Amino acid sequence: MIESFKIGDNVRVDYMSSRSNNIVSRTGRIIQEPSDNKSVIFVSTGDNQLTGIHSGKVFSVTIDTDKHKVLNNTFVGKLESIAKF
């Protein structure tokens, strides 16, 4: 399912929130696609915000773009779907 996406694709990520138990959507542009040595897909969903997907799990990642550093990485739920738009 994830292998068909490429860097630059605009996508919508739907996941079952572990906090609210509702389906939540995030939209953005793919900035890292899966490859032989990378199993995570990253979607840029804000200035300093990424949505990461790995093994059916969705993570919210806050980054410091100036320092190229991850500030926070939080599990937010299980992947329901990902689709181009």
PDB file of N, CA and C in Angstrom:
ATOM      1  N   MET A   1       0.837  -1.193   0.000  1.00  0.00           N
ATOM      2  CA  MET A   1       0.000   0.000   0.000  1.00  0.00           C
ATOM      3  C   MET A   1       0.879   1.253   0.000  1.00  0.00           C
ATOM      4  N   ILE A   2       1.850   1.343   0.868  1.00  0.00           N
ATOM      5  CA  ILE A   2       2.679   2.541   0.992  1.00  0.00           C
ATOM      6  C   ILE A   2       3.699   2.633  -0.133  1.00  0.00           C
ATOM      7  N   GLU A   3       4.083   1.508  -0.717  1.00  0.00           N
ATOM      8  CA  GLU A   3       5.124   1.493  -1.730  1.00  0.00           C
ATOM      9  C   GLU A   3       4.762   2.284  -2.987  1.00  0.00           C
ATOM     10  N   SER A   4       3.492   2.535  -3.226  1.00  0.00           N
ATOM     11  CA  SER A   4       3.062   3.208  -4.451  1.00  0.00           C
ATOM     12  C   SER A   4       3.176   4.734  -4.381  1.00  0.00           C
ATOM     13  N   PHE A   5       3.603   5.278  -3.274  1.00  0.00           N
ATOM     14  CA  PHE A   5       3.710   6.717  -3.117  1.00  0.00           C
ATOM     15  C   PHE A   5       5.141   7.179  -3.356  1.00  0.00           C
ATOM     16  N   LYS A   6       5.265   8.392  -3.906  1.00  0.00           N
ATOM     17  CA  LYS A   6       6.571   8.957  -4.229  1.00  0.00           C
ATOM     18  C   LYS A   6       6.741  10.319  -3.559  1.00  0.00           C
ATOM     19  N   ILE A   7       7.992  10.744  -3.408  1.00  0.00           N
ATOM     20  CA  ILE A   7       8.282  12.065  -2.857  1.00  0.00           C
ATOM     21  C   ILE A   7       7.569  13.128  -3.695  1.00  0.00           C
ATOM     22  N   GLY A   8       6.914  14.061  -3.018  1.00  0.00           N
ATOM     23  CA  GLY A   8       6.183  15.136  -3.690  1.00  0.00           C
ATOM     24  C   GLY A   8       4.697  14.871  -3.836  1.00  0.00           C
ATOM     25  N   ASP A   9       4.257  13.616  -3.667  1.00  0.00           N
ATOM     26  CA  ASP A   9       2.823  13.319  -3.743  1.00  0.00           C
ATOM     27  C   ASP A   9       2.083  14.004  -2.598  1.00  0.00           C
ATOM     28  N   ASN A  10       0.932  14.594  -2.905  1.00  0.00           N
ATOM     29  CA  ASN A  10       0.051  15.127  -1.869  1.00  0.00           C
ATOM     30  C   ASN A  10      -0.858  13.995  -1.416  1.00  0.00           C
ATOM     31  N   VAL A  11      -0.905  13.780  -0.092  1.00  0.00           N
ATOM     32  CA  VAL A  11      -1.665  12.651   0.441  1.00  0.00           C
ATOM     33  C   VAL A  11      -2.505  13.061   1.637  1.00  0.00           C
ATOM     34  N   ARG A  12      -3.498  12.228   1.908  1.00  0.00           N
ATOM     35  CA  ARG A  12      -4.294  12.339   3.127  1.00  0.00           C
ATOM     36  C   ARG A  12      -4.055  11.063   3.922  1.00  0.00           C
ATOM     37  N   VAL A  13      -3.660  11.215   5.170  1.00  0.00           N
ATOM     38  CA  VAL A  13      -3.422  10.087   6.072  1.00  0.00           C
ATOM     39  C   VAL A  13      -4.577  10.040   7.064  1.00  0.00           C
ATOM     40  N   ASP A  14      -5.280   8.917   7.111  1.00  0.00           N
ATOM     41  CA  ASP A  14      -6.353   8.710   8.084  1.00  0.00           C
ATOM     42  C   ASP A  14      -5.880   7.688   9.108  1.00  0.00           C
ATOM     43  N   TYR A  15      -6.083   8.000  10.386  1.00  0.00           N
ATOM     44  CA  TYR A  15      -5.697   7.053  11.423  1.00  0.00           C
ATOM     45  C   TYR A  15      -6.709   7.068  12.563  1.00  0.00           C
ATOM     46  N   MET A  16      -6.754   5.953  13.299  1.00  0.00           N
ATOM     47  CA  MET A  16      -7.617   5.845  14.472  1.00  0.00           C
ATOM     48  C   MET A  16      -6.837   6.404  15.651  1.00  0.00           C
ATOM     49  N   SER A  17      -7.299   7.544  16.140  1.00  0.00           N
ATOM     50  CA  SER A  17      -6.599   8.232  17.219  1.00  0.00           C
ATOM     51  C   SER A  17      -6.588   7.390  18.489  1.00  0.00           C
ATOM     52  N   SER A  18      -5.412   7.225  19.065  1.00  0.00           N
ATOM     53  CA  SER A  18      -5.303   6.482  20.321  1.00  0.00           C
ATOM     54  C   SER A  18      -5.851   7.302  21.490  1.00  0.00           C
ATOM     55  N   ARG A  19      -5.973   8.606  21.300  1.00  0.00           N
ATOM     56  CA  ARG A  19      -6.464   9.479  22.365  1.00  0.00           C
ATOM     57  C   ARG A  19      -7.993   9.593  22.344  1.00  0.00           C
ATOM     58  N   SER A  20      -8.564   9.885  21.166  1.00  0.00           N
ATOM     59  CA  SER A  20     -10.011  10.126  21.096  1.00  0.00           C
ATOM     60  C   SER A  20     -10.803   8.927  20.594  1.00  0.00           C
ATOM     61  N   ASN A  21     -10.118   7.924  20.066  1.00  0.00           N
ATOM     62  CA  ASN A  21     -10.760   6.745  19.488  1.00  0.00           C
ATOM     63  C   ASN A  21     -11.655   7.111  18.297  1.00  0.00           C
ATOM     64  N   ASN A  22     -11.313   8.195  17.609  1.00  0.00           N
ATOM     65  CA  ASN A  22     -11.999   8.619  16.383  1.00  0.00           C
ATOM     66  C   ASN A  22     -10.995   8.614  15.240  1.00  0.00           C
ATOM     67  N   ILE A  23     -11.511   8.582  14.020  1.00  0.00           N
ATOM     68  CA  ILE A  23     -10.635   8.670  12.855  1.00  0.00           C
ATOM     69  C   ILE A  23     -10.246  10.132  12.651  1.00  0.00           C
ATOM     70  N   VAL A  24      -8.943  10.362  12.499  1.00  0.00           N
ATOM     71  CA  VAL A  24      -8.386  11.696  12.318  1.00  0.00           C
ATOM     72  C   VAL A  24      -7.668  11.710  10.970  1.00  0.00           C
ATOM     73  N   SER A  25      -7.710  12.842  10.275  1.00  0.00           N
ATOM     74  CA  SER A  25      -7.040  12.980   8.982  1.00  0.00           C
ATOM     75  C   SER A  25      -5.964  14.049   9.057  1.00  0.00           C
ATOM     76  N   ARG A  26      -4.869  13.789   8.378  1.00  0.00           N
ATOM     77  CA  ARG A  26      -3.796  14.765   8.196  1.00  0.00           C
ATOM     78  C   ARG A  26      -3.472  14.802   6.709  1.00  0.00           C
ATOM     79  N   THR A  27      -3.258  15.986   6.182  1.00  0.00           N
ATOM     80  CA  THR A  27      -2.887  16.103   4.772  1.00  0.00           C
ATOM     81  C   THR A  27      -1.520  16.749   4.661  1.00  0.00           C
ATOM     82  N   GLY A  28      -0.817  16.395   3.601  1.00  0.00           N
ATOM     83  CA  GLY A  28       0.496  16.977   3.387  1.00  0.00           C
ATOM     84  C   GLY A  28       1.190  16.372   2.184  1.00  0.00           C
ATOM     85  N   ARG A  29       2.483  16.667   2.083  1.00  0.00           N
ATOM     86  CA  ARG A  29       3.291  16.236   0.946  1.00  0.00           C
ATOM     87  C   ARG A  29       4.343  15.245   1.438  1.00  0.00           C
ATOM     88  N   ILE A  30       4.508  14.159   0.709  1.00  0.00           N
ATOM     89  CA  ILE A  30       5.488  13.146   1.078  1.00  0.00           C
ATOM     90  C   ILE A  30       6.895  13.703   0.884  1.00  0.00           C
ATOM     91  N   ILE A  31       7.716  13.604   1.943  1.00  0.00           N
ATOM     92  CA  ILE A  31       9.101  14.072   1.854  1.00  0.00           C
ATOM     93  C   ILE A  31      10.095  12.918   1.992  1.00  0.00           C
ATOM     94  N   GLN A  32       9.623  11.744   2.414  1.00  0.00           N
ATOM     95  CA  GLN A  32      10.466  10.536   2.406  1.00  0.00           C
ATOM     96  C   GLN A  32       9.582   9.358   2.084  1.00  0.00           C
ATOM     97  N   GLU A  33       9.998   8.589   1.099  1.00  0.00           N
ATOM     98  CA  GLU A  33       9.246   7.401   0.706  1.00  0.00           C
ATOM     99  C   GLU A  33      10.013   6.160   1.152  1.00  0.00           C
ATOM    100  N   PRO A  34       9.323   5.029   1.268  1.00  0.00           N
ATOM    101  CA  PRO A  34      10.012   3.803   1.646  1.00  0.00           C
ATOM    102  C   PRO A  34      11.012   3.380   0.565  1.00  0.00           C
ATOM    103  N   SER A  35      12.108   2.779   0.997  1.00  0.00           N
ATOM    104  CA  SER A  35      13.101   2.233   0.078  1.00  0.00           C
ATOM    105  C   SER A  35      13.753   1.042   0.766  1.00  0.00           C
ATOM    106  N   ASP A  36      14.773   0.499   0.150  1.00  0.00           N
ATOM    107  CA  ASP A  36      15.431  -0.669   0.726  1.00  0.00           C
ATOM    108  C   ASP A  36      15.971  -0.414   2.132  1.00  0.00           C
ATOM    109  N   ASN A  37      16.470   0.783   2.382  1.00  0.00           N
ATOM    110  CA  ASN A  37      17.060   1.061   3.692  1.00  0.00           C
ATOM    111  C   ASN A  37      16.233   2.016   4.551  1.00  0.00           C
ATOM    112  N   LYS A  38      15.027   2.384   4.094  1.00  0.00           N
ATOM    113  CA  LYS A  38      14.150   3.274   4.858  1.00  0.00           C
ATOM    114  C   LYS A  38      12.752   2.666   4.882  1.00  0.00           C
ATOM    115  N   SER A  39      12.275   2.336   6.069  1.00  0.00           N
ATOM    116  CA  SER A  39      10.956   1.702   6.172  1.00  0.00           C
ATOM    117  C   SER A  39       9.869   2.682   6.598  1.00  0.00           C
ATOM    118  N   VAL A  40      10.233   3.955   6.798  1.00  0.00           N
ATOM    119  CA  VAL A  40       9.280   4.959   7.267  1.00  0.00           C
ATOM    120  C   VAL A  40       8.928   5.897   6.123  1.00  0.00           C
ATOM    121  N   ILE A  41       7.659   6.271   6.051  1.00  0.00           N
ATOM    122  CA  ILE A  41       7.222   7.311   5.125  1.00  0.00           C
ATOM    123  C   ILE A  41       6.949   8.548   5.973  1.00  0.00           C
ATOM    124  N   PHE A  42       7.436   9.708   5.516  1.00  0.00           N
ATOM    125  CA  PHE A  42       7.187  10.956   6.228  1.00  0.00           C
ATOM    126  C   PHE A  42       6.378  11.892   5.343  1.00  0.00           C
ATOM    127  N   VAL A  43       5.378  12.520   5.958  1.00  0.00           N
ATOM    128  CA  VAL A  43       4.522  13.492   5.289  1.00  0.00           C
ATOM    129  C   VAL A  43       4.682  14.810   6.023  1.00  0.00           C
ATOM    130  N   SER A  44       5.018  15.872   5.288  1.00  0.00           N
ATOM    131  CA  SER A  44       5.135  17.197   5.873  1.00  0.00           C
ATOM    132  C   SER A  44       3.732  17.764   6.048  1.00  0.00           C
ATOM    133  N   THR A  45       3.321  17.982   7.300  1.00  0.00           N
ATOM    134  CA  THR A  45       1.963  18.438   7.583  1.00  0.00           C
ATOM    135  C   THR A  45       1.924  19.827   8.208  1.00  0.00           C
ATOM    136  N   GLY A  46       3.061  20.493   8.287  1.00  0.00           N
ATOM    137  CA  GLY A  46       3.146  21.844   8.850  1.00  0.00           C
ATOM    138  C   GLY A  46       4.575  22.322   8.791  1.00  0.00           C
ATOM    139  N   ASP A  47       4.799  23.556   9.207  1.00  0.00           N
ATOM    140  CA  ASP A  47       6.142  24.127   9.144  1.00  0.00           C
ATOM    141  C   ASP A  47       7.174  23.271   9.865  1.00  0.00           C
ATOM    142  N   ASN A  48       6.879  22.849  11.062  1.00  0.00           N
ATOM    143  CA  ASN A  48       7.807  22.049  11.859  1.00  0.00           C
ATOM    144  C   ASN A  48       7.179  20.719  12.263  1.00  0.00           C
ATOM    145  N   GLN A  49       6.216  20.261  11.469  1.00  0.00           N
ATOM    146  CA  GLN A  49       5.451  19.078  11.847  1.00  0.00           C
ATOM    147  C   GLN A  49       5.483  18.039  10.733  1.00  0.00           C
ATOM    148  N   LEU A  50       5.781  16.803  11.111  1.00  0.00           N
ATOM    149  CA  LEU A  50       5.745  15.678  10.183  1.00  0.00           C
ATOM    150  C   LEU A  50       4.789  14.634  10.721  1.00  0.00           C
ATOM    151  N   THR A  51       4.212  13.857   9.821  1.00  0.00           N
ATOM    152  CA  THR A  51       3.479  12.665  10.197  1.00  0.00           C
ATOM    153  C   THR A  51       4.292  11.499   9.671  1.00  0.00           C
ATOM    154  N   GLY A  52       4.684  10.604  10.556  1.00  0.00           N
ATOM    155  CA  GLY A  52       5.466   9.437  10.176  1.00  0.00           C
ATOM    156  C   GLY A  52       4.611   8.191  10.220  1.00  0.00           C
ATOM    157  N   ILE A  53       4.825   7.291   9.258  1.00  0.00           N
ATOM    158  CA  ILE A  53       4.076   6.038   9.201  1.00  0.00           C
ATOM    159  C   ILE A  53       5.081   4.900   9.130  1.00  0.00           C
ATOM    160  N   HIS A  54       4.936   3.945  10.051  1.00  0.00           N
ATOM    161  CA  HIS A  54       5.827   2.782  10.096  1.00  0.00           C
ATOM    162  C   HIS A  54       5.047   1.585  10.622  1.00  0.00           C
ATOM    163  N   SER A  55       5.034   0.509   9.851  1.00  0.00           N
ATOM    164  CA  SER A  55       4.392  -0.749  10.264  1.00  0.00           C
ATOM    165  C   SER A  55       2.942  -0.545  10.712  1.00  0.00           C
ATOM    166  N   GLY A  56       2.199   0.294   9.987  1.00  0.00           N
ATOM    167  CA  GLY A  56       0.788   0.505  10.305  1.00  0.00           C
ATOM    168  C   GLY A  56       0.531   1.426  11.476  1.00  0.00           C
ATOM    169  N   LYS A  57       1.580   2.021  12.016  1.00  0.00           N
ATOM    170  CA  LYS A  57       1.438   2.956  13.130  1.00  0.00           C
ATOM    171  C   LYS A  57       1.750   4.367  12.643  1.00  0.00           C
ATOM    172  N   VAL A  58       1.048   5.351  13.219  1.00  0.00           N
ATOM    173  CA  VAL A  58       1.211   6.751  12.819  1.00  0.00           C
ATOM    174  C   VAL A  58       1.801   7.537  13.992  1.00  0.00           C
ATOM    175  N   PHE A  59       2.778   8.373  13.668  1.00  0.00           N
ATOM    176  CA  PHE A  59       3.474   9.163  14.674  1.00  0.00           C
ATOM    177  C   PHE A  59       3.429  10.636  14.284  1.00  0.00           C
ATOM    178  N   SER A  60       3.319  11.498  15.281  1.00  0.00           N
ATOM    179  CA  SER A  60       3.436  12.933  15.090  1.00  0.00           C
ATOM    180  C   SER A  60       4.859  13.302  15.486  1.00  0.00           C
ATOM    181  N   VAL A  61       5.572  13.961  14.570  1.00  0.00           N
ATOM    182  CA  VAL A  61       6.978  14.298  14.804  1.00  0.00           C
ATOM    183  C   VAL A  61       7.136  15.812  14.686  1.00  0.00           C
ATOM    184  N   THR A  62       7.641  16.435  15.743  1.00  0.00           N
ATOM    185  CA  THR A  62       7.940  17.863  15.738  1.00  0.00           C
ATOM    186  C   THR A  62       9.444  18.009  15.553  1.00  0.00           C
ATOM    187  N   ILE A  63       9.835  18.890  14.621  1.00  0.00           N
ATOM    188  CA  ILE A  63      11.251  19.050  14.309  1.00  0.00           C
ATOM    189  C   ILE A  63      11.691  20.501  14.447  1.00  0.00           C
ATOM    190  N   ASP A  64      12.981  20.675  14.663  1.00  0.00           N
ATOM    191  CA  ASP A  64      13.611  21.989  14.618  1.00  0.00           C
ATOM    192  C   ASP A  64      14.376  22.022  13.298  1.00  0.00           C
ATOM    193  N   THR A  65      13.834  22.720  12.312  1.00  0.00           N
ATOM    194  CA  THR A  65      14.447  22.722  10.981  1.00  0.00           C
ATOM    195  C   THR A  65      15.788  23.435  10.955  1.00  0.00           C
ATOM    196  N   ASP A  66      15.983  24.409  11.828  1.00  0.00           N
ATOM    197  CA  ASP A  66      17.260  25.124  11.864  1.00  0.00           C
ATOM    198  C   ASP A  66      18.397  24.232  12.379  1.00  0.00           C
ATOM    199  N   LYS A  67      18.089  23.418  13.371  1.00  0.00           N
ATOM    200  CA  LYS A  67      19.115  22.558  13.972  1.00  0.00           C
ATOM    201  C   LYS A  67      19.081  21.136  13.415  1.00  0.00           C
ATOM    202  N   HIS A  68      18.109  20.851  12.517  1.00  0.00           N
ATOM    203  CA  HIS A  68      17.954  19.510  11.942  1.00  0.00           C
ATOM    204  C   HIS A  68      17.833  18.471  13.058  1.00  0.00           C
ATOM    205  N   LYS A  69      16.891  18.738  13.965  1.00  0.00           N
ATOM    206  CA  LYS A  69      16.764  17.920  15.160  1.00  0.00           C
ATOM    207  C   LYS A  69      15.296  17.583  15.419  1.00  0.00           C
ATOM    208  N   VAL A  70      15.032  16.351  15.875  1.00  0.00           N
ATOM    209  CA  VAL A  70      13.694  15.949  16.283  1.00  0.00           C
ATOM    210  C   VAL A  70      13.470  16.426  17.710  1.00  0.00           C
ATOM    211  N   LEU A  71      12.387  17.170  17.923  1.00  0.00           N
ATOM    212  CA  LEU A  71      12.063  17.680  19.250  1.00  0.00           C
ATOM    213  C   LEU A  71      11.108  16.764  20.000  1.00  0.00           C
ATOM    214  N   ASN A  72      10.196  16.125  19.256  1.00  0.00           N
ATOM    215  CA  ASN A  72       9.188  15.279  19.885  1.00  0.00           C
ATOM    216  C   ASN A  72       8.711  14.248  18.870  1.00  0.00           C
ATOM    217  N   ASN A  73       8.500  13.029  19.326  1.00  0.00           N
ATOM    218  CA  ASN A  73       7.992  11.948  18.484  1.00  0.00           C
ATOM    219  C   ASN A  73       6.942  11.204  19.297  1.00  0.00           C
ATOM    220  N   THR A  74       5.670  11.286  18.879  1.00  0.00           N
ATOM    221  CA  THR A  74       4.572  10.743  19.663  1.00  0.00           C
ATOM    222  C   THR A  74       3.713   9.801  18.816  1.00  0.00           C
ATOM    223  N   PHE A  75       3.432   8.605  19.336  1.00  0.00           N
ATOM    224  CA  PHE A  75       2.494   7.695  18.691  1.00  0.00           C
ATOM    225  C   PHE A  75       1.099   8.293  18.797  1.00  0.00           C
ATOM    226  N   VAL A  76       0.391   8.397  17.653  1.00  0.00           N
ATOM    227  CA  VAL A  76      -0.947   8.996  17.681  1.00  0.00           C
ATOM    228  C   VAL A  76      -2.058   8.026  17.299  1.00  0.00           C
ATOM    229  N   GLY A  77      -1.728   6.897  16.674  1.00  0.00           N
ATOM    230  CA  GLY A  77      -2.777   5.936  16.352  1.00  0.00           C
ATOM    231  C   GLY A  77      -2.369   4.943  15.290  1.00  0.00           C
ATOM    232  N   LYS A  78      -3.322   4.099  14.926  1.00  0.00           N
ATOM    233  CA  LYS A  78      -3.110   3.073  13.904  1.00  0.00           C
ATOM    234  C   LYS A  78      -3.610   3.569  12.557  1.00  0.00           C
ATOM    235  N   LEU A  79      -2.823   3.310  11.527  1.00  0.00           N
ATOM    236  CA  LEU A  79      -3.151   3.755  10.173  1.00  0.00           C
ATOM    237  C   LEU A  79      -4.438   3.099   9.685  1.00  0.00           C
ATOM    238  N   GLU A  80      -5.350   3.918   9.189  1.00  0.00           N
ATOM    239  CA  GLU A  80      -6.571   3.426   8.545  1.00  0.00           C
ATOM    240  C   GLU A  80      -6.397   3.418   7.036  1.00  0.00           C
ATOM    241  N   SER A  81      -5.867   4.546   6.487  1.00  0.00           N
ATOM    242  CA  SER A  81      -5.669   4.630   5.041  1.00  0.00           C
ATOM    243  C   SER A  81      -4.738   5.786   4.712  1.00  0.00           C
ATOM    244  N   ILE A  82      -4.173   5.701   3.518  1.00  0.00           N
ATOM    245  CA  ILE A  82      -3.389   6.804   2.974  1.00  0.00           C
ATOM    246  C   ILE A  82      -3.735   6.872   1.495  1.00  0.00           C
ATOM    247  N   ALA A  83      -4.041   8.068   1.004  1.00  0.00           N
ATOM    248  CA  ALA A  83      -4.491   8.204  -0.375  1.00  0.00           C
ATOM    249  C   ALA A  83      -3.979   9.514  -0.966  1.00  0.00           C
ATOM    250  N   LYS A  84      -3.660   9.469  -2.270  1.00  0.00           N
ATOM    251  CA  LYS A  84      -3.274  10.680  -2.985  1.00  0.00           C
ATOM    252  C   LYS A  84      -4.498  11.551  -3.203  1.00  0.00           C
ATOM    253  N   PHE A  85      -4.271  12.865  -3.292  1.00  0.00           N
ATOM    254  CA  PHE A  85      -5.373  13.769  -3.650  1.00  0.00           C
ATOM    255  C   PHE A  85      -4.860  14.855  -4.559  1.00  0.00           C
TER     256      PHE A  85
END
